[in-house]
Amino acid sequence: GYGIHGTSAPMCIYQFRSHGCIRLHPEDIEKLFSYLKRGFQGELAYKTVLLGQDDQGKLFLEVNPDIYRKNINALEQARRLADSYGVKERIDWSRVATVIESREGIAREVSL
């Protein structure tokens, strides 16, 4: 299993320190545990490419480093996500290329 816990060193949340635990800010872990019961079972997913939309309809892409070296094709993943959400024609694919190249793990706007 995996441990999900708060930390007294919040800056380590943004770094890869282990292959087991998931560290959260203290206030975030409190919020999470208020939603869950002891023994709750969930699923962890390894996703290096995330696509989202804000309340104004702007599209954001986040591409994270492939730390487990699964050789995930980020462009292919971005295209699949755009297709599944029906937003492919609203995306600036040159911005997508820039986000993929940087793999900085920060959501960047990719709207046309």
Foldseek 3Di string as FASTA:
>chain_A
DAAEEEDPDVVCQPDDDDDGYHYDHHVVVVVVVVPDDPPDDDDDDDDQWDWDADPVGWIWIAGADPVVPPPDDRVVVVCVVCVVVVNNVQFQVVVVVVNNVVNPRDIDTGGD
